Amino acid sequence: MLTYLAIIFSAILVNNIVFAQFLGICPFIGVSKNLDSAFGMSMAVTFVMAVATAVTWLLQHYLLLPLGLEYIQTIAFILVIAVLVQMLEIIIRKSAPGLYAALGVYLPLITTNCAVLGVAIIVAQKNFDFLYSVMYAIATALGFGLAMMLFAGIRTQLELADVPRSMRGVPIALVTAGILAMAFMGFAGM
């Protein structure tokens, strides 16, 4: 039990996928302009990351390894993620049109979100068991969501701040992301 709590704490705070491993930066910068879009993207990434990790773990252990096809791992994982994102896009379009409109072009970005692929590959490389893998994926996705929500809140406040013209938009967002990454480094000593 203590091991699982350590996994969760580590994946969310210490080894945050955005701030420590620098994966998933494109949607982190692109979708974090308001809290609603950031929350929707976080939930979509959480679902895709958990399901993709489960499916890729099964694919890795029951097809690729037994048949000696480890060399096509990345391509196979990308295909699994692409199919899952397409299914998610169809479901969101039908069930939550507002969320679908809010996510807009960013929903297809989950297909190319290196955080989703990165977690699947990390799990395969570290040879985690199935439950450990899924817990790691969910905790990592929650860390991604935490980063997105914090950053969206800060960016909302930055809209009201007196920022020099040359620093408005992406430049101040990148500086803020750097400061947040340094703040998250403080958890590494725990």
Protein backbone atom coordinates (compact mmCIF):
# COMPACT_ATOMS: atom_id res chain seq x y z
CA MET A 1 0.00 0.00 0.00
CA LEU A 2 2.81 2.38 0.87
CA THR A 3 4.42 1.70 -2.50
CA TYR A 4 1.27 2.77 -4.33
CA LEU A 5 1.03 5.97 -2.30
CA ALA A 6 4.66 6.70 -3.17
CA ILE A 7 3.86 6.16 -6.87
CA ILE A 8 0.92 8.54 -6.71
CA PHE A 9 2.79 11.24 -4.78
CA SER A 10 5.85 10.94 -6.99
CA ALA A 11 3.96 11.01 -10.30
CA ILE A 12 1.82 14.00 -9.31
CA LEU A 13 4.34 16.23 -7.56
CA VAL A 14 7.96 15.06 -7.66
CA ASN A 15 8.20 13.72 -11.22
CA ASN A 16 5.40 15.81 -12.72
CA ILE A 17 5.14 14.94 -16.41
CA VAL A 18 5.10 18.62 -17.42
CA PHE A 19 7.48 20.26 -14.97
CA ALA A 20 10.06 17.52 -14.39
CA GLN A 21 9.93 15.44 -17.57
CA PHE A 22 8.89 18.24 -19.99
CA LEU A 23 6.31 16.12 -21.80
CA GLY A 24 2.93 17.46 -22.91
CA ILE A 25 4.09 21.06 -23.26
CA CYS A 26 2.07 21.82 -26.42
CA PRO A 27 -1.38 21.33 -24.86
CA PHE A 28 -0.05 22.74 -21.58
CA ILE A 29 0.67 26.08 -23.28
CA GLY A 30 -2.13 25.96 -25.85
CA VAL A 31 -5.16 24.94 -23.79
CA SER A 32 -4.36 26.65 -20.50
CA LYS A 33 -5.85 30.04 -21.40
CA ASN A 34 -8.99 29.43 -19.32
CA LEU A 35 -9.98 27.02 -16.57
CA ASP A 36 -12.84 25.31 -18.42
CA SER A 37 -10.70 24.28 -21.40
CA ALA A 38 -7.85 23.25 -19.09
CA PHE A 39 -10.20 21.10 -17.01
CA GLY A 40 -11.74 19.47 -20.10
CA MET A 41 -8.33 18.76 -21.57
CA SER A 42 -7.13 17.35 -18.25
CA MET A 43 -10.07 14.96 -18.06
CA ALA A 44 -9.63 13.88 -21.68
CA VAL A 45 -5.90 13.28 -21.16
CA THR A 46 -6.59 11.36 -17.94
CA PHE A 47 -9.01 9.05 -19.70
CA VAL A 48 -6.81 8.54 -22.76
CA MET A 49 -3.63 8.08 -20.71
CA ALA A 50 -5.19 5.47 -18.41
CA VAL A 51 -6.86 3.49 -21.19
CA ALA A 52 -3.88 3.81 -23.55
CA THR A 53 -1.48 2.60 -20.88
CA ALA A 54 -3.70 -0.39 -20.08
CA VAL A 55 -4.10 -1.33 -23.75
CA THR A 56 -0.44 -0.80 -24.63
CA TRP A 57 0.63 -2.84 -21.58
CA LEU A 58 -1.54 -5.72 -22.79
CA LEU A 59 -0.25 -5.29 -26.33
CA GLN A 60 3.34 -5.25 -25.12
CA HIS A 61 3.07 -8.31 -22.86
CA TYR A 62 0.73 -10.51 -24.88
CA LEU A 63 1.70 -9.73 -28.45
CA LEU A 64 4.92 -7.79 -28.97
CA LEU A 65 7.16 -9.57 -26.43
CA PRO A 66 6.00 -13.16 -27.13
CA LEU A 67 6.38 -12.65 -30.90
CA GLY A 68 9.70 -10.79 -30.63
CA LEU A 69 8.22 -7.62 -32.15
CA GLU A 70 9.55 -5.12 -29.59
CA TYR A 71 11.05 -3.05 -32.40
CA ILE A 72 7.58 -1.91 -33.55
CA GLN A 73 6.58 -0.84 -30.03
CA THR A 74 6.49 2.92 -30.72
CA ILE A 75 4.47 2.57 -33.92
CA ALA A 76 2.02 0.17 -32.29
CA PHE A 77 1.60 2.47 -29.29
CA ILE A 78 1.00 5.50 -31.52
CA LEU A 79 -1.69 3.60 -33.43
CA VAL A 80 -3.44 2.56 -30.20
CA ILE A 81 -3.40 6.15 -28.93
CA ALA A 82 -4.71 7.50 -32.24
CA VAL A 83 -7.63 5.07 -32.23
CA LEU A 84 -8.49 5.89 -28.61
CA VAL A 85 -8.45 9.63 -29.29
CA GLN A 86 -10.71 9.21 -32.32
CA MET A 87 -13.17 7.24 -30.21
CA LEU A 88 -13.01 9.89 -27.47
CA GLU A 89 -13.59 12.66 -30.01
CA ILE A 90 -16.73 10.93 -31.31
CA ILE A 91 -18.04 10.39 -27.77
CA ILE A 92 -17.40 14.00 -26.70
CA ARG A 93 -18.93 15.39 -29.91
CA LYS A 94 -22.14 13.43 -29.25
CA SER A 95 -22.42 13.75 -25.47
CA ALA A 96 -20.85 17.15 -24.65
CA PRO A 97 -20.95 19.54 -27.61
CA GLY A 98 -19.93 22.48 -25.39
CA LEU A 99 -16.77 20.72 -24.27
CA TYR A 100 -16.09 19.62 -27.85
CA ALA A 101 -16.38 23.24 -29.03
CA ALA A 102 -14.20 24.47 -26.15
CA LEU A 103 -11.46 21.96 -26.91
CA GLY A 104 -11.68 22.65 -30.62
CA VAL A 105 -8.41 21.89 -32.36
CA TYR A 106 -6.76 20.78 -29.13
CA LEU A 107 -8.63 17.48 -28.87
CA PRO A 108 -6.71 16.01 -31.80
CA LEU A 109 -3.54 17.21 -30.05
CA ILE A 110 -4.00 14.37 -27.56
CA THR A 111 -3.09 12.04 -30.41
CA THR A 112 0.29 13.71 -30.67
CA ASN A 113 0.59 14.50 -26.94
CA CYS A 114 3.98 13.12 -26.10
CA ALA A 115 2.91 12.73 -22.45
CA VAL A 116 0.46 9.96 -23.38
CA LEU A 117 3.00 8.13 -25.50
CA GLY A 118 5.75 8.86 -22.98
CA VAL A 119 3.86 7.20 -20.13
CA ALA A 120 3.14 4.11 -22.23
CA ILE A 121 6.82 3.81 -23.16
CA ILE A 122 8.04 4.49 -19.59
CA VAL A 123 5.75 1.74 -18.29
CA ALA A 124 7.05 -0.67 -20.91
CA GLN A 125 10.70 0.20 -20.27
CA LYS A 126 10.42 -0.11 -16.50
CA ASN A 127 8.50 -3.38 -16.86
CA PHE A 128 5.78 -2.43 -14.37
CA ASP A 129 2.99 -4.92 -13.69
CA PHE A 130 -0.52 -4.13 -14.95
CA LEU A 131 -1.98 -2.55 -11.80
CA TYR A 132 1.18 -0.55 -11.14
CA SER A 133 1.14 0.66 -14.76
CA VAL A 134 -2.46 1.85 -14.67
CA MET A 135 -1.96 3.55 -11.28
CA TYR A 136 1.16 5.26 -12.60
CA ALA A 137 -0.73 6.45 -15.70
CA ILE A 138 -3.64 7.82 -13.67
CA ALA A 139 -1.34 9.55 -11.19
CA THR A 140 0.72 11.01 -14.02
CA ALA A 141 -2.46 12.24 -15.71
CA LEU A 142 -3.58 13.82 -12.42
CA GLY A 143 -0.19 15.55 -12.25
CA PHE A 144 -0.74 16.79 -15.79
CA GLY A 145 -4.19 18.04 -14.77
CA LEU A 146 -2.80 19.75 -11.69
CA ALA A 147 -0.20 21.52 -13.81
CA MET A 148 -2.86 22.55 -16.35
CA MET A 149 -5.26 23.88 -13.73
CA LEU A 150 -2.57 25.80 -11.81
CA PHE A 151 -1.24 27.30 -15.00
CA ALA A 152 -4.72 28.20 -16.29
CA GLY A 153 -5.51 29.96 -13.02
CA ILE A 154 -2.28 31.92 -13.16
CA ARG A 155 -2.80 32.82 -16.83
CA THR A 156 -6.30 34.07 -16.00
CA GLN A 157 -4.78 36.37 -13.38
CA LEU A 158 -2.05 37.47 -15.81
CA GLU A 159 -4.74 38.82 -18.13
CA LEU A 160 -5.55 41.36 -15.41
CA ALA A 161 -1.91 42.17 -14.61
CA ASP A 162 0.07 45.06 -16.05
CA VAL A 163 2.51 43.04 -18.16
CA PRO A 164 4.87 44.86 -20.54
CA ARG A 165 3.64 44.69 -24.13
CA SER A 166 6.63 42.63 -25.33
CA MET A 167 6.00 40.01 -22.63
CA ARG A 168 2.23 39.56 -23.12
CA GLY A 169 0.88 36.18 -24.20
CA VAL A 170 3.28 33.30 -24.71
CA PRO A 171 6.46 35.00 -23.38
CA ILE A 172 5.02 35.62 -19.91
CA ALA A 173 3.39 32.19 -20.03
CA LEU A 174 6.78 30.55 -20.60
CA VAL A 175 8.40 32.55 -17.80
CA THR A 176 5.54 31.57 -15.50
CA ALA A 177 5.86 27.90 -16.50
CA GLY A 178 9.55 28.06 -15.65
CA ILE A 179 8.81 29.49 -12.20
CA LEU A 180 6.18 26.79 -11.63
CA ALA A 181 8.70 24.11 -12.65
CA MET A 182 11.18 25.48 -10.11
CA ALA A 183 8.45 25.46 -7.44
CA PHE A 184 7.69 21.81 -8.20
CA MET A 185 11.42 21.01 -7.87
CA GLY A 186 10.97 21.74 -4.16
CA PHE A 187 9.00 18.49 -3.83
CA ALA A 188 12.05 16.49 -4.95
CA GLY A 189 13.61 16.88 -1.50
CA MET A 190 10.70 15.18 0.26
